[in-house]
Amino acid sequence: MLGGRRVGYFFKAKNCLMSVHNEVKRITTHVLQAMKSKGEKIAMLTGYDYSMARILDEAGIDIILVGDSASNVMAGHETTLPITLDEMIYHASAVVRAVRRALVIVDLPFGSYQGNSRLALESTIRIMKESGAHGVKMEGGSEIQESVKRILSAGVPVMGHLGHTPQSIYKFGTYTVRAKEEAEAQKLMEDAALLQELGCFAIVLEKIPAKLTKQVSESLVIPTIGIGAGKHANGQVLVTHDMLGITKDFQPRFLRRYLELFDLVKEATQAYIRDVRNKDFPNEQEQY
């Protein structure tokens, strides 16, 4: 009888687990490719911590990018350059623990892959093993092809990133739109084709003319994800802190704010301070 109960409990628990797994359709690189084929737009946002990633995942976001923009919005640095590999792994680990559906992609930070394909693979292996992420993102085209090849040879999905590449800000010396001139536009087209040929599953296009985004997106089989690149990309990405209005000073043309959380959180904090000062918090119902 006891054995029967155990068997019954085992099958009940197994069925519950199967039911949970059936409810959640994980986003994979294959799913993203199918979305492009069907003309469905891909939605991507950045995530750096467990709590926010859980909200984004439950909302139905397709991709969470653990971006090196954490250097700006989480640590207060002027550029993305200072963030370390250890810090990226820390943020990625928190995000992965929150996610049941979204594809989690992690930026390889500055200095962890440029000019050294062996280092690129070592950095990627650390991210994949220590965080549990699903792939990595890298900035650049032909300049990083050896690193891309080596990472892909290890079976790790790679997302490319062309156009404005924040890790090269001191090289460009400006945050203006890239690839407006014919020569740079042509190189971007060639780099996009190269990244696809190497095996990248998608490419982020940042701050380039909408017309060029259309050309690139139509020329590729793999999806493109735009930021400041117009409506013709196969998907869009924003920094979550910008989209929610947590950041205040960053107001580029391409940014749409869906909330003004800076002001809302500030007002809530001020209300809390007032209640504490006035001895209104905690009240009788809020104590033991």
Protein backbone atom coordinates (compact mmCIF):
# COMPACT_ATOMS: atom_id res chain seq x y z
CA MET A 1 0.00 0.00 0.00
CA LEU A 2 2.82 2.36 0.95
CA GLY A 3 4.60 1.47 -2.29
CA GLY A 4 1.39 2.20 -4.23
CA ARG A 5 1.13 5.59 -2.57
CA ARG A 6 4.72 6.34 -3.52
CA VAL A 7 4.14 5.33 -7.13
CA GLY A 8 0.95 7.38 -7.27
CA TYR A 9 2.71 10.37 -5.77
CA PHE A 10 5.59 9.98 -8.25
CA PHE A 11 3.29 10.01 -11.28
CA LYS A 12 1.24 12.91 -9.89
CA ALA A 13 4.40 14.96 -9.29
CA LYS A 14 5.75 14.02 -12.72
CA ASN A 15 2.49 15.06 -14.39
CA CYS A 16 2.55 18.39 -12.53
CA LEU A 17 6.09 19.02 -13.71
CA MET A 18 5.17 18.10 -17.28
CA SER A 19 2.17 20.44 -17.08
CA VAL A 20 4.37 23.33 -15.93
CA HIS A 21 6.89 22.70 -18.70
CA ASN A 22 4.13 22.45 -21.29
CA GLU A 23 2.75 25.82 -20.27
CA VAL A 24 6.03 27.63 -20.94
CA LYS A 25 7.45 27.64 -24.44
CA ARG A 26 11.12 28.48 -24.21
CA ILE A 27 12.45 30.96 -26.73
CA THR A 28 15.38 29.53 -28.70
CA THR A 29 17.40 30.71 -31.66
CA HIS A 30 15.23 28.42 -33.79
CA VAL A 31 12.08 30.17 -32.53
CA LEU A 32 13.58 33.58 -33.41
CA GLN A 33 14.39 32.38 -36.92
CA ALA A 34 10.81 31.14 -37.32
CA MET A 35 9.51 34.51 -36.12
CA LYS A 36 11.46 36.30 -38.83
CA SER A 37 10.23 33.84 -41.45
CA LYS A 38 6.62 34.49 -40.40
CA GLY A 39 7.08 38.26 -40.21
CA GLU A 40 6.64 38.38 -36.43
CA LYS A 41 8.59 41.12 -34.65
CA ILE A 42 11.03 40.16 -31.88
CA ALA A 43 10.98 42.11 -28.60
CA MET A 44 14.19 42.42 -26.60
CA LEU A 45 15.04 44.39 -23.44
CA THR A 46 18.02 44.56 -21.13
CA GLY A 47 18.05 42.95 -17.69
CA TYR A 48 20.64 43.00 -14.93
CA ASP A 49 18.97 41.59 -11.80
CA TYR A 50 16.59 38.87 -10.64
CA SER A 51 13.56 41.02 -9.77
CA MET A 52 13.42 42.98 -13.02
CA ALA A 53 14.20 39.92 -15.14
CA ARG A 54 11.31 38.04 -13.55
CA ILE A 55 8.91 40.85 -14.47
CA LEU A 56 10.21 41.03 -18.06
CA ASP A 57 10.00 37.27 -18.47
CA GLU A 58 6.45 37.03 -17.11
CA ALA A 59 5.45 39.91 -19.40
CA GLY A 60 6.45 37.75 -22.38
CA ILE A 61 9.69 39.36 -23.58
CA ASP A 62 11.47 37.22 -26.18
CA ILE A 63 15.08 38.06 -25.37
CA ILE A 64 16.69 39.50 -22.25
CA LEU A 65 20.06 41.03 -22.99
CA VAL A 66 22.39 41.20 -20.02
CA GLY A 67 24.03 44.24 -21.54
CA ASP A 68 27.32 45.87 -20.71
CA SER A 69 25.07 48.92 -20.35
CA ALA A 70 24.98 47.73 -16.73
CA SER A 71 28.20 49.72 -16.53
CA ASN A 72 26.12 52.87 -17.09
CA VAL A 73 22.74 52.26 -15.48
CA MET A 74 23.75 50.00 -12.60
CA ALA A 75 27.26 51.25 -11.75
CA GLY A 76 27.12 54.87 -12.92
CA HIS A 77 30.08 54.77 -15.30
CA GLU A 78 30.21 57.16 -18.26
CA THR A 79 30.86 54.36 -20.77
CA THR A 80 30.45 50.59 -21.03
CA LEU A 81 34.20 50.00 -20.95
CA PRO A 82 34.84 49.64 -17.18
CA ILE A 83 32.55 46.67 -16.51
CA THR A 84 34.43 43.41 -15.94
CA LEU A 85 33.78 39.83 -16.95
CA ASP A 86 33.17 38.88 -13.31
CA GLU A 87 30.57 41.63 -13.01
CA MET A 88 28.83 40.51 -16.21
CA ILE A 89 28.68 36.95 -14.89
CA TYR A 90 27.19 38.22 -11.62
CA HIS A 91 24.41 40.09 -13.43
CA ALA A 92 23.79 37.23 -15.88
CA SER A 93 23.50 34.67 -13.08
CA ALA A 94 20.82 36.75 -11.36
CA VAL A 95 18.85 37.10 -14.60
CA VAL A 96 19.04 33.40 -15.49
CA ARG A 97 17.67 32.43 -12.08
CA ALA A 98 14.54 34.51 -12.80
CA VAL A 99 13.81 33.35 -16.34
CA ARG A 100 11.56 30.52 -17.47
CA ARG A 101 10.78 31.59 -21.05
CA ALA A 102 13.09 34.24 -22.51
CA LEU A 103 16.38 33.67 -24.29
CA VAL A 104 19.18 35.16 -22.16
CA ILE A 105 22.09 36.67 -24.09
CA VAL A 106 25.12 38.22 -22.39
CA ASP A 107 27.43 40.93 -23.70
CA LEU A 108 31.08 39.98 -23.80
CA PRO A 109 32.61 43.03 -22.07
CA PHE A 110 35.38 45.19 -23.46
CA GLY A 111 38.77 43.49 -23.28
CA SER A 112 37.37 39.95 -23.04
CA TYR A 113 37.49 39.04 -26.74
CA GLN A 114 39.00 41.73 -28.99
CA GLY A 115 42.20 40.64 -30.73
CA ASN A 116 42.49 37.28 -28.97
CA SER A 117 40.24 34.44 -30.03
CA ARG A 118 41.51 32.12 -27.31
CA LEU A 119 40.64 34.71 -24.65
CA ALA A 120 37.26 35.19 -26.34
CA LEU A 121 36.49 31.48 -25.98
CA GLU A 122 37.71 31.39 -22.38
CA SER A 123 35.53 34.40 -21.51
CA THR A 124 32.52 32.83 -23.20
CA ILE A 125 32.98 29.48 -21.47
CA ARG A 126 33.07 31.26 -18.10
CA ILE A 127 29.83 33.10 -18.91
CA MET A 128 28.05 29.95 -20.07
CA LYS A 129 29.24 27.68 -17.22
CA GLU A 130 29.00 30.17 -14.35
CA SER A 131 25.79 31.98 -15.28
CA GLY A 132 23.79 29.43 -17.26
CA ALA A 133 23.10 31.95 -20.04
CA HIS A 134 22.05 30.86 -23.52
CA GLY A 135 24.50 32.80 -25.69
CA VAL A 136 26.74 35.85 -26.04
CA LYS A 137 26.78 39.11 -27.98
CA MET A 138 29.87 40.69 -29.54
CA GLU A 139 30.51 44.05 -31.19
CA GLY A 140 32.22 44.24 -34.57
CA GLY A 141 32.48 42.58 -37.95
CA SER A 142 35.52 41.31 -39.83
CA GLU A 143 37.79 42.54 -37.02
CA ILE A 144 36.46 39.87 -34.64
CA GLN A 145 35.76 37.01 -37.05
CA GLU A 146 38.39 34.70 -35.53
CA SER A 147 36.82 35.13 -32.10
CA VAL A 148 33.35 34.52 -33.52
CA LYS A 149 34.54 31.35 -35.27
CA ARG A 150 36.17 29.96 -32.15
CA ILE A 151 33.14 30.62 -29.95
CA LEU A 152 30.74 29.12 -32.50
CA SER A 153 32.98 26.07 -32.83
CA ALA A 154 32.34 25.43 -29.13
CA GLY A 155 28.60 25.34 -29.82
CA VAL A 156 27.74 28.69 -28.22
CA PRO A 157 25.17 30.90 -30.01
CA VAL A 158 26.56 34.31 -30.98
CA MET A 159 24.61 37.51 -31.62
CA GLY A 160 26.46 40.15 -33.65
CA HIS A 161 26.35 43.93 -33.16
CA LEU A 162 27.06 46.45 -35.92
CA GLY A 163 26.64 50.18 -36.46
CA HIS A 164 27.23 52.25 -33.35
CA THR A 165 29.30 49.99 -31.11
CA PRO A 166 29.60 51.55 -27.62
CA GLN A 167 32.79 49.66 -26.76
CA SER A 168 34.50 51.59 -29.58
CA ILE A 169 33.33 55.02 -28.43
CA TYR A 170 36.85 56.40 -28.06
CA LYS A 171 37.68 55.21 -31.58
CA PHE A 172 34.66 56.98 -33.09
CA GLY A 173 34.76 59.89 -30.65
CA THR A 174 31.03 60.52 -31.06
CA TYR A 175 27.59 59.00 -30.42
CA THR A 176 26.20 60.14 -33.76
CA VAL A 177 24.46 57.91 -36.29
CA ARG A 178 26.84 55.51 -38.06
CA ALA A 179 27.03 54.35 -41.69
CA LYS A 180 25.56 57.49 -43.24
CA GLU A 181 28.38 57.59 -45.77
CA GLU A 182 28.43 55.07 -48.62
CA ALA A 183 31.78 53.48 -47.70
CA GLU A 184 30.80 52.78 -44.09
CA ALA A 185 27.35 51.57 -45.17
CA GLN A 186 28.95 49.15 -47.63
CA LYS A 187 31.29 47.80 -44.95
CA LEU A 188 28.36 47.29 -42.60
CA MET A 189 26.52 45.32 -45.29
CA GLU A 190 29.61 43.18 -45.85
CA ASP A 191 30.12 42.64 -42.13
CA ALA A 192 26.49 41.61 -41.68
CA ALA A 193 26.81 39.05 -44.48
CA LEU A 194 30.07 37.79 -42.94
CA LEU A 195 28.56 37.36 -39.47
CA GLN A 196 25.67 35.41 -40.97
CA GLU A 197 28.07 33.24 -42.97
CA LEU A 198 30.13 32.54 -39.85
CA GLY A 199 26.99 31.32 -38.08
CA CYS A 200 25.65 34.16 -35.91
CA PHE A 201 21.97 33.66 -35.12
CA ALA A 202 21.04 37.38 -35.11
CA ILE A 203 22.57 40.85 -35.40
CA VAL A 204 21.89 44.03 -33.45
CA LEU A 205 21.93 47.15 -35.62
CA GLU A 206 22.47 50.30 -33.57
CA LYS A 207 22.01 53.92 -34.66
CA ILE A 208 22.13 53.52 -38.42
CA PRO A 209 19.80 55.00 -41.08
CA ALA A 210 16.43 53.24 -41.37
CA LYS A 211 16.97 52.77 -45.10
CA LEU A 212 20.17 50.83 -44.45
CA THR A 213 18.45 48.73 -41.79
CA LYS A 214 15.86 47.75 -44.38
CA GLN A 215 18.57 46.74 -46.87
CA VAL A 216 20.46 44.68 -44.32
CA SER A 217 17.35 43.00 -42.90
CA GLU A 218 16.08 42.03 -46.34
CA SER A 219 19.48 40.71 -47.41
CA LEU A 220 19.88 38.39 -44.42
CA VAL A 221 18.19 35.14 -43.51
CA ILE A 222 18.90 35.67 -39.78
CA PRO A 223 16.97 38.25 -37.73
CA THR A 224 18.12 41.81 -37.11
CA ILE A 225 17.36 43.65 -33.86
CA GLY A 226 17.31 47.43 -34.10
CA ILE A 227 18.01 50.19 -31.61
CA GLY A 228 17.78 53.65 -33.12
CA ALA A 229 17.75 51.92 -36.49
CA GLY A 230 14.16 52.38 -37.63
CA LYS A 231 11.15 50.13 -38.05
CA HIS A 232 12.50 47.76 -40.68
CA ALA A 233 14.55 45.59 -38.32
CA ASN A 234 13.06 42.22 -37.46
CA GLY A 235 12.93 43.20 -33.79
CA GLN A 236 13.67 46.03 -31.39
CA VAL A 237 15.71 46.45 -28.21
CA LEU A 238 15.85 49.19 -25.59
CA VAL A 239 17.63 49.57 -22.28
CA THR A 240 14.93 48.78 -19.73
CA HIS A 241 15.96 51.60 -17.40
CA ASP A 242 15.56 54.06 -20.27
CA MET A 243 12.23 52.63 -21.41
CA LEU A 244 10.82 52.78 -17.88
CA GLY A 245 12.07 56.29 -17.22
CA ILE A 246 14.40 55.28 -14.39
CA THR A 247 17.18 57.17 -16.13
CA LYS A 248 16.53 60.88 -16.57
CA ASP A 249 19.35 62.50 -18.52
CA PHE A 250 19.48 60.12 -21.50
CA GLN A 251 16.91 61.25 -24.09
CA PRO A 252 17.89 60.15 -27.60
CA ARG A 253 15.49 60.50 -30.50
CA PHE A 254 14.87 56.76 -30.74
CA LEU A 255 13.83 56.30 -27.10
CA ARG A 256 10.16 55.92 -26.18
CA ARG A 257 9.48 56.12 -22.44
CA TYR A 258 6.59 53.92 -21.33
CA LEU A 259 6.75 55.08 -17.70
CA GLU A 260 8.42 57.82 -15.66
CA LEU A 261 9.58 55.66 -12.79
CA PHE A 262 12.21 58.12 -11.61
CA ASP A 263 9.47 60.58 -10.66
CA LEU A 264 7.09 57.90 -9.33
CA VAL A 265 9.72 56.28 -7.12
CA LYS A 266 10.91 59.68 -5.91
CA GLU A 267 7.34 60.64 -4.95
CA ALA A 268 6.78 57.32 -3.17
CA THR A 269 10.05 57.73 -1.26
CA GLN A 270 9.11 61.24 -0.21
CA ALA A 271 5.72 59.97 1.00
CA TYR A 272 7.48 57.28 3.04
CA ILE A 273 9.82 59.84 4.57
CA ARG A 274 6.87 62.03 5.52
CA ASP A 275 5.05 59.13 7.16
CA VAL A 276 8.12 58.16 9.18
CA ARG A 277 8.77 61.77 10.25
CA ASN A 278 5.10 62.25 11.24
CA LYS A 279 5.08 58.94 13.17
CA ASP A 280 2.35 57.67 10.87
CA PHE A 281 4.35 54.61 9.83
CA PRO A 282 4.05 52.01 11.15
CA ASN A 283 0.48 52.23 12.40
CA GLU A 284 -1.36 49.82 14.70
CA GLN A 285 -2.09 47.37 11.89
CA GLU A 286 1.55 47.35 10.75
CA GLN A 287 3.14 46.14 13.95
CA TYR A 288 3.19 42.98 16.04
